[in-house]
PDB file of N, CA and C in Angstrom:
ATOM      1  N   MET A   1     -14.017   2.771  14.017  1.00  0.00           N
ATOM      2  CA  MET A   1     -12.672   2.287  14.304  1.00  0.00           C
ATOM      3  C   MET A   1     -11.817   3.469  14.749  1.00  0.00           C
ATOM      4  N   ILE A   2     -11.113   3.270  15.839  1.00  0.00           N
ATOM      5  CA  ILE A   2     -10.172   4.265  16.330  1.00  0.00           C
ATOM      6  C   ILE A   2      -8.875   3.514  16.635  1.00  0.00           C
ATOM      7  N   ASN A   3      -7.787   3.910  16.010  1.00  0.00           N
ATOM      8  CA  ASN A   3      -6.465   3.280  16.245  1.00  0.00           C
ATOM      9  C   ASN A   3      -6.530   1.762  16.116  1.00  0.00           C
ATOM     10  N   ASP A   4      -7.169   1.259  15.072  1.00  0.00           N
ATOM     11  CA  ASP A   4      -7.320  -0.177  14.801  1.00  0.00           C
ATOM     12  C   ASP A   4      -8.103  -0.925  15.873  1.00  0.00           C
ATOM     13  N   VAL A   5      -8.985  -0.236  16.572  1.00  0.00           N
ATOM     14  CA  VAL A   5      -9.826  -0.848  17.598  1.00  0.00           C
ATOM     15  C   VAL A   5     -11.259  -0.576  17.227  1.00  0.00           C
ATOM     16  N   ARG A   6     -12.077  -1.637  17.236  1.00  0.00           N
ATOM     17  CA  ARG A   6     -13.519  -1.466  16.944  1.00  0.00           C
ATOM     18  C   ARG A   6     -14.178  -0.837  18.166  1.00  0.00           C
ATOM     19  N   VAL A   7     -14.856   0.290  17.964  1.00  0.00           N
ATOM     20  CA  VAL A   7     -15.469   1.039  19.057  1.00  0.00           C
ATOM     21  C   VAL A   7     -16.986   0.975  18.920  1.00  0.00           C
ATOM     22  N   ASN A   8     -17.657   0.656  20.034  1.00  0.00           N
ATOM     23  CA  ASN A   8     -19.101   0.608  20.071  1.00  0.00           C
ATOM     24  C   ASN A   8     -19.568   1.474  21.240  1.00  0.00           C
ATOM     25  N   ILE A   9     -20.448   2.424  20.969  1.00  0.00           N
ATOM     26  CA  ILE A   9     -21.024   3.252  22.041  1.00  0.00           C
ATOM     27  C   ILE A   9     -22.474   2.830  22.186  1.00  0.00           C
ATOM     28  N   GLU A  10     -22.766   2.142  23.302  1.00  0.00           N
ATOM     29  CA  GLU A  10     -24.108   1.580  23.511  1.00  0.00           C
ATOM     30  C   GLU A  10     -25.137   2.636  23.854  1.00  0.00           C
ATOM     31  N   LYS A  11     -24.818   3.482  24.831  1.00  0.00           N
ATOM     32  CA  LYS A  11     -25.780   4.521  25.188  1.00  0.00           C
ATOM     33  C   LYS A  11     -25.038   5.700  25.797  1.00  0.00           C
ATOM     34  N   GLY A  12     -25.679   6.846  25.760  1.00  0.00           N
ATOM     35  CA  GLY A  12     -25.073   8.068  26.285  1.00  0.00           C
ATOM     36  C   GLY A  12     -24.239   8.777  25.243  1.00  0.00           C
ATOM     37  N   SER A  13     -23.963  10.034  25.492  1.00  0.00           N
ATOM     38  CA  SER A  13     -23.128  10.794  24.573  1.00  0.00           C
ATOM     39  C   SER A  13     -21.656  10.601  24.953  1.00  0.00           C
ATOM     40  N   PHE A  14     -20.838  10.406  23.940  1.00  0.00           N
ATOM     41  CA  PHE A  14     -19.421  10.117  24.159  1.00  0.00           C
ATOM     42  C   PHE A  14     -18.670  10.516  22.903  1.00  0.00           C
ATOM     43  N   SER A  15     -17.645  11.330  23.031  1.00  0.00           N
ATOM     44  CA  SER A  15     -16.945  11.836  21.847  1.00  0.00           C
ATOM     45  C   SER A  15     -15.842  10.871  21.405  1.00  0.00           C
ATOM     46  N   ALA A  16     -15.433  10.984  20.158  1.00  0.00           N
ATOM     47  CA  ALA A  16     -14.344  10.165  19.623  1.00  0.00           C
ATOM     48  C   ALA A  16     -13.023  10.489  20.328  1.00  0.00           C
ATOM     49  N   ALA A  17     -12.842  11.762  20.712  1.00  0.00           N
ATOM     50  CA  ALA A  17     -11.609  12.144  21.419  1.00  0.00           C
ATOM     51  C   ALA A  17     -11.550  11.483  22.792  1.00  0.00           C
ATOM     52  N   ASP A  18     -12.686  11.403  23.495  1.00  0.00           N
ATOM     53  CA  ASP A  18     -12.714  10.714  24.781  1.00  0.00           C
ATOM     54  C   ASP A  18     -12.441   9.222  24.602  1.00  0.00           C
ATOM     55  N   ALA A  19     -13.040   8.624  23.587  1.00  0.00           N
ATOM     56  CA  ALA A  19     -12.815   7.191  23.322  1.00  0.00           C
ATOM     57  C   ALA A  19     -11.344   6.933  23.032  1.00  0.00           C
ATOM     58  N   ALA A  20     -10.721   7.789  22.209  1.00  0.00           N
ATOM     59  CA  ALA A  20      -9.297   7.623  21.876  1.00  0.00           C
ATOM     60  C   ALA A  20      -8.420   7.730  23.126  1.00  0.00           C
ATOM     61  N   ARG A  21      -8.790   8.619  24.039  1.00  0.00           N
ATOM     62  CA  ARG A  21      -8.012   8.780  25.281  1.00  0.00           C
ATOM     63  C   ARG A  21      -8.071   7.501  26.124  1.00  0.00           C
ATOM     64  N   TYR A  22      -9.273   6.908  26.268  1.00  0.00           N
ATOM     65  CA  TYR A  22      -9.403   5.679  27.035  1.00  0.00           C
ATOM     66  C   TYR A  22      -8.683   4.512  26.346  1.00  0.00           C
ATOM     67  N   ILE A  23      -8.747   4.465  25.037  1.00  0.00           N
ATOM     68  CA  ILE A  23      -8.066   3.409  24.295  1.00  0.00           C
ATOM     69  C   ILE A  23      -6.559   3.488  24.511  1.00  0.00           C
ATOM     70  N   GLU A  24      -6.001   4.668  24.467  1.00  0.00           N
ATOM     71  CA  GLU A  24      -4.561   4.840  24.700  1.00  0.00           C
ATOM     72  C   GLU A  24      -4.166   4.433  26.112  1.00  0.00           C
ATOM     73  N   GLN A  25      -5.008   4.753  27.101  1.00  0.00           N
ATOM     74  CA  GLN A  25      -4.720   4.346  28.472  1.00  0.00           C
ATOM     75  C   GLN A  25      -4.683   2.827  28.601  1.00  0.00           C
ATOM     76  N   ILE A  26      -5.638   2.158  28.000  1.00  0.00           N
ATOM     77  CA  ILE A  26      -5.691   0.685  28.082  1.00  0.00           C
ATOM     78  C   ILE A  26      -4.477   0.091  27.347  1.00  0.00           C
ATOM     79  N   LYS A  27      -4.122   0.644  26.205  1.00  0.00           N
ATOM     80  CA  LYS A  27      -2.964   0.145  25.449  1.00  0.00           C
ATOM     81  C   LYS A  27      -1.663   0.312  26.249  1.00  0.00           C
ATOM     82  N   LYS A  28      -1.542   1.401  26.993  1.00  0.00           N
ATOM     83  CA  LYS A  28      -0.335   1.629  27.794  1.00  0.00           C
ATOM     84  C   LYS A  28      -0.194   0.637  28.934  1.00  0.00           C
ATOM     85  N   THR A  29      -1.318   0.214  29.510  1.00  0.00           N
ATOM     86  CA  THR A  29      -1.277  -0.638  30.691  1.00  0.00           C
ATOM     87  C   THR A  29      -1.415  -2.129  30.391  1.00  0.00           C
ATOM     88  N   SER A  30      -1.576  -2.513  29.135  1.00  0.00           N
ATOM     89  CA  SER A  30      -1.769  -3.915  28.814  1.00  0.00           C
ATOM     90  C   SER A  30      -0.674  -4.389  27.854  1.00  0.00           C
ATOM     91  N   LYS A  31      -0.327  -5.676  27.990  1.00  0.00           N
ATOM     92  CA  LYS A  31       0.641  -6.243  27.067  1.00  0.00           C
ATOM     93  C   LYS A  31      -0.020  -6.917  25.864  1.00  0.00           C
ATOM     94  N   PHE A  32      -1.355  -6.968  25.867  1.00  0.00           N
ATOM     95  CA  PHE A  32      -2.110  -7.574  24.774  1.00  0.00           C
ATOM     96  C   PHE A  32      -2.609  -6.525  23.788  1.00  0.00           C
ATOM     97  N   THR A  33      -2.960  -6.965  22.589  1.00  0.00           N
ATOM     98  CA  THR A  33      -3.466  -6.064  21.543  1.00  0.00           C
ATOM     99  C   THR A  33      -4.983  -5.903  21.715  1.00  0.00           C
ATOM    100  N   LEU A  34      -5.405  -4.671  21.867  1.00  0.00           N
ATOM    101  CA  LEU A  34      -6.819  -4.361  22.050  1.00  0.00           C
ATOM    102  C   LEU A  34      -7.562  -4.612  20.733  1.00  0.00           C
ATOM    103  N   LYS A  35      -8.700  -5.325  20.828  1.00  0.00           N
ATOM    104  CA  LYS A  35      -9.455  -5.661  19.627  1.00  0.00           C
ATOM    105  C   LYS A  35     -10.771  -4.878  19.545  1.00  0.00           C
ATOM    106  N   LYS A  36     -11.485  -4.797  20.661  1.00  0.00           N
ATOM    107  CA  LYS A  36     -12.814  -4.197  20.653  1.00  0.00           C
ATOM    108  C   LYS A  36     -13.084  -3.527  21.986  1.00  0.00           C
ATOM    109  N   ILE A  37     -13.785  -2.418  21.964  1.00  0.00           N
ATOM    110  CA  ILE A  37     -14.131  -1.718  23.192  1.00  0.00           C
ATOM    111  C   ILE A  37     -15.564  -1.181  23.099  1.00  0.00           C
ATOM    112  N   THR A  38     -16.298  -1.284  24.183  1.00  0.00           N
ATOM    113  CA  THR A  38     -17.692  -0.828  24.242  1.00  0.00           C
ATOM    114  C   THR A  38     -17.845   0.146  25.389  1.00  0.00           C
ATOM    115  N   PHE A  39     -18.413   1.316  25.100  1.00  0.00           N
ATOM    116  CA  PHE A  39     -18.668   2.325  26.113  1.00  0.00           C
ATOM    117  C   PHE A  39     -20.168   2.435  26.341  1.00  0.00           C
ATOM    118  N   SER A  40     -20.556   2.523  27.597  1.00  0.00           N
ATOM    119  CA  SER A  40     -21.948   2.725  27.966  1.00  0.00           C
ATOM    120  C   SER A  40     -21.957   3.784  29.079  1.00  0.00           C
ATOM    121  N   ARG A  41     -22.562   4.931  28.781  1.00  0.00           N
ATOM    122  CA  ARG A  41     -22.491   6.058  29.721  1.00  0.00           C
ATOM    123  C   ARG A  41     -23.857   6.382  30.296  1.00  0.00           C
ATOM    124  N   SER A  42     -23.888   6.553  31.615  1.00  0.00           N
ATOM    125  CA  SER A  42     -25.095   7.076  32.281  1.00  0.00           C
ATOM    126  C   SER A  42     -24.708   8.416  32.901  1.00  0.00           C
ATOM    127  N   ASP A  43     -25.586   8.996  33.690  1.00  0.00           N
ATOM    128  CA  ASP A  43     -25.278  10.290  34.305  1.00  0.00           C
ATOM    129  C   ASP A  43     -24.103  10.193  35.272  1.00  0.00           C
ATOM    130  N   ASP A  44     -23.992   9.087  35.997  1.00  0.00           N
ATOM    131  CA  ASP A  44     -22.985   8.959  37.048  1.00  0.00           C
ATOM    132  C   ASP A  44     -21.816   8.045  36.702  1.00  0.00           C
ATOM    133  N   PHE A  45     -21.992   7.156  35.759  1.00  0.00           N
ATOM    134  CA  PHE A  45     -20.981   6.140  35.512  1.00  0.00           C
ATOM    135  C   PHE A  45     -20.657   5.994  34.020  1.00  0.00           C
ATOM    136  N   LEU A  46     -19.459   5.475  33.766  1.00  0.00           N
ATOM    137  CA  LEU A  46     -19.059   5.067  32.431  1.00  0.00           C
ATOM    138  C   LEU A  46     -18.618   3.606  32.513  1.00  0.00           C
ATOM    139  N   ASP A  47     -19.339   2.746  31.850  1.00  0.00           N
ATOM    140  CA  ASP A  47     -18.973   1.333  31.786  1.00  0.00           C
ATOM    141  C   ASP A  47     -18.140   1.106  30.542  1.00  0.00           C
ATOM    142  N   ILE A  48     -17.004   0.414  30.727  1.00  0.00           N
ATOM    143  CA  ILE A  48     -16.123   0.106  29.595  1.00  0.00           C
ATOM    144  C   ILE A  48     -15.896  -1.395  29.573  1.00  0.00           C
ATOM    145  N   ARG A  49     -16.230  -2.005  28.444  1.00  0.00           N
ATOM    146  CA  ARG A  49     -15.943  -3.429  28.247  1.00  0.00           C
ATOM    147  C   ARG A  49     -15.021  -3.562  27.045  1.00  0.00           C
ATOM    148  N   TYR A  50     -13.992  -4.385  27.183  1.00  0.00           N
ATOM    149  CA  TYR A  50     -13.069  -4.520  26.050  1.00  0.00           C
ATOM    150  C   TYR A  50     -12.527  -5.938  25.981  1.00  0.00           C
ATOM    151  N   SER A  51     -12.030  -6.288  24.782  1.00  0.00           N
ATOM    152  CA  SER A  51     -11.477  -7.613  24.566  1.00  0.00           C
ATOM    153  C   SER A  51     -10.170  -7.471  23.795  1.00  0.00           C
ATOM    154  N   PHE A  52      -9.340  -8.516  23.923  1.00  0.00           N
ATOM    155  CA  PHE A  52      -8.023  -8.527  23.307  1.00  0.00           C
ATOM    156  C   PHE A  52      -7.939  -9.611  22.247  1.00  0.00           C
ATOM    157  N   ARG A  53      -7.049  -9.457  21.294  1.00  0.00           N
ATOM    158  CA  ARG A  53      -6.859 -10.449  20.225  1.00  0.00           C
ATOM    159  C   ARG A  53      -6.210 -11.736  20.740  1.00  0.00           C
ATOM    160  N   GLU A  54      -5.235 -11.614  21.610  1.00  0.00           N
ATOM    161  CA  GLU A  54      -4.432 -12.770  22.008  1.00  0.00           C
ATOM    162  C   GLU A  54      -5.084 -13.691  23.018  1.00  0.00           C
ATOM    163  N   ILE A  55      -6.108 -13.220  23.709  1.00  0.00           N
ATOM    164  CA  ILE A  55      -6.732 -14.052  24.728  1.00  0.00           C
ATOM    165  C   ILE A  55      -7.796 -14.901  24.032  1.00  0.00           C
ATOM    166  N   PRO A  56      -7.592 -16.234  24.032  1.00  0.00           N
ATOM    167  CA  PRO A  56      -8.515 -17.118  23.296  1.00  0.00           C
ATOM    168  C   PRO A  56      -9.881 -17.235  23.991  1.00  0.00           C
ATOM    169  N   PHE A  57     -10.875 -17.488  23.185  1.00  0.00           N
ATOM    170  CA  PHE A  57     -12.210 -17.732  23.701  1.00  0.00           C
ATOM    171  C   PHE A  57     -12.240 -19.120  24.282  1.00  0.00           C
ATOM    172  N   GLU A  58     -12.812 -19.256  25.465  1.00  0.00           N
ATOM    173  CA  GLU A  58     -12.911 -20.565  26.106  1.00  0.00           C
ATOM    174  C   GLU A  58     -14.375 -20.967  26.134  1.00  0.00           C
ATOM    175  N   ARG A  59     -14.667 -22.080  25.527  1.00  0.00           N
ATOM    176  CA  ARG A  59     -16.057 -22.536  25.511  1.00  0.00           C
ATOM    177  C   ARG A  59     -16.280 -23.479  26.685  1.00  0.00           C
ATOM    178  N   LEU A  60     -17.343 -23.232  27.407  1.00  0.00           N
ATOM    179  CA  LEU A  60     -17.740 -24.118  28.497  1.00  0.00           C
ATOM    180  C   LEU A  60     -18.936 -24.929  28.041  1.00  0.00           C
ATOM    181  N   ARG A  61     -18.889 -26.201  28.344  1.00  0.00           N
ATOM    182  CA  ARG A  61     -19.984 -27.059  27.926  1.00  0.00           C
ATOM    183  C   ARG A  61     -20.568 -27.726  29.167  1.00  0.00           C
ATOM    184  N   ARG A  62     -21.877 -27.897  29.156  1.00  0.00           N
ATOM    185  CA  ARG A  62     -22.547 -28.588  30.236  1.00  0.00           C
ATOM    186  C   ARG A  62     -23.160 -29.855  29.646  1.00  0.00           C
ATOM    187  N   LEU A  63     -22.766 -30.965  30.224  1.00  0.00           N
ATOM    188  CA  LEU A  63     -23.256 -32.261  29.742  1.00  0.00           C
ATOM    189  C   LEU A  63     -24.081 -32.926  30.829  1.00  0.00           C
ATOM    190  N   ALA A  64     -25.072 -33.657  30.414  1.00  0.00           N
ATOM    191  CA  ALA A  64     -25.871 -34.418  31.371  1.00  0.00           C
ATOM    192  C   ALA A  64     -25.059 -35.606  31.850  1.00  0.00           C
ATOM    193  N   PHE A  65     -25.029 -35.807  33.158  1.00  0.00           N
ATOM    194  CA  PHE A  65     -24.269 -36.929  33.715  1.00  0.00           C
ATOM    195  C   PHE A  65     -25.140 -38.171  33.687  1.00  0.00           C
ATOM    196  N   THR A  66     -24.612 -39.239  33.077  1.00  0.00           N
ATOM    197  CA  THR A  66     -25.308 -40.511  33.048  1.00  0.00           C
ATOM    198  C   THR A  66     -24.437 -41.513  33.803  1.00  0.00           C
ATOM    199  N   PRO A  67     -24.864 -41.912  34.993  1.00  0.00           N
ATOM    200  CA  PRO A  67     -24.035 -42.850  35.755  1.00  0.00           C
ATOM    201  C   PRO A  67     -23.951 -44.215  35.067  1.00  0.00           C
ATOM    202  N   SER A  68     -22.797 -44.806  35.197  1.00  0.00           N
ATOM    203  CA  SER A  68     -22.571 -46.124  34.618  1.00  0.00           C
ATOM    204  C   SER A  68     -23.269 -47.170  35.454  1.00  0.00           C
ATOM    205  N   SER A  69     -23.748 -48.245  34.819  1.00  0.00           N
ATOM    206  CA  SER A  69     -24.391 -49.317  35.573  1.00  0.00           C
ATOM    207  C   SER A  69     -23.361 -50.230  36.219  1.00  0.00           C
ATOM    208  N   GLU A  70     -22.081 -50.141  35.760  1.00  0.00           N
ATOM    209  CA  GLU A  70     -21.034 -50.971  36.341  1.00  0.00           C
ATOM    210  C   GLU A  70     -20.438 -50.279  37.559  1.00  0.00           C
ATOM    211  N   LYS A  71     -19.983 -51.061  38.532  1.00  0.00           N
ATOM    212  CA  LYS A  71     -19.264 -50.493  39.658  1.00  0.00           C
ATOM    213  C   LYS A  71     -17.805 -50.407  39.266  1.00  0.00           C
ATOM    214  N   GLN A  72     -17.185 -49.262  39.526  1.00  0.00           N
ATOM    215  CA  GLN A  72     -15.804 -49.080  39.153  1.00  0.00           C
ATOM    216  C   GLN A  72     -14.985 -48.743  40.371  1.00  0.00           C
ATOM    217  N   ALA A  73     -13.773 -49.253  40.394  1.00  0.00           N
ATOM    218  CA  ALA A  73     -12.854 -48.938  41.466  1.00  0.00           C
ATOM    219  C   ALA A  73     -12.230 -47.570  41.204  1.00  0.00           C
ATOM    220  N   VAL A  74     -12.020 -46.824  42.240  1.00  0.00           N
ATOM    221  CA  VAL A  74     -11.415 -45.489  42.118  1.00  0.00           C
ATOM    222  C   VAL A  74     -10.018 -45.542  42.704  1.00  0.00           C
ATOM    223  N   ASN A  75      -9.059 -44.943  41.999  1.00  0.00           N
ATOM    224  CA  ASN A  75      -7.650 -44.880  42.426  1.00  0.00           C
ATOM    225  C   ASN A  75      -7.022 -46.259  42.584  1.00  0.00           C
ATOM    226  N   ASN A  76      -7.385 -47.209  41.779  1.00  0.00           N
ATOM    227  CA  ASN A  76      -6.757 -48.521  41.791  1.00  0.00           C
ATOM    228  C   ASN A  76      -5.987 -48.766  40.545  1.00  0.00           C
TER     229      ASN A  76
END
């Protein structure tokens, strides 16, 4: 935990001071409360994934369509 944010470092070397710097930058530019951040570092890139407390999770559901045997009027 850094500044009340759950920090996860998936791969690569990354210091707590660097993580704190990125967290402060995100906090400055966002109006939402940062909840979790994940760092993944390779030789050339740093991937940062983060989530906020206020943005709700949206569940998507896929249902099988079963057509009705009755004919129905549309827009009547």
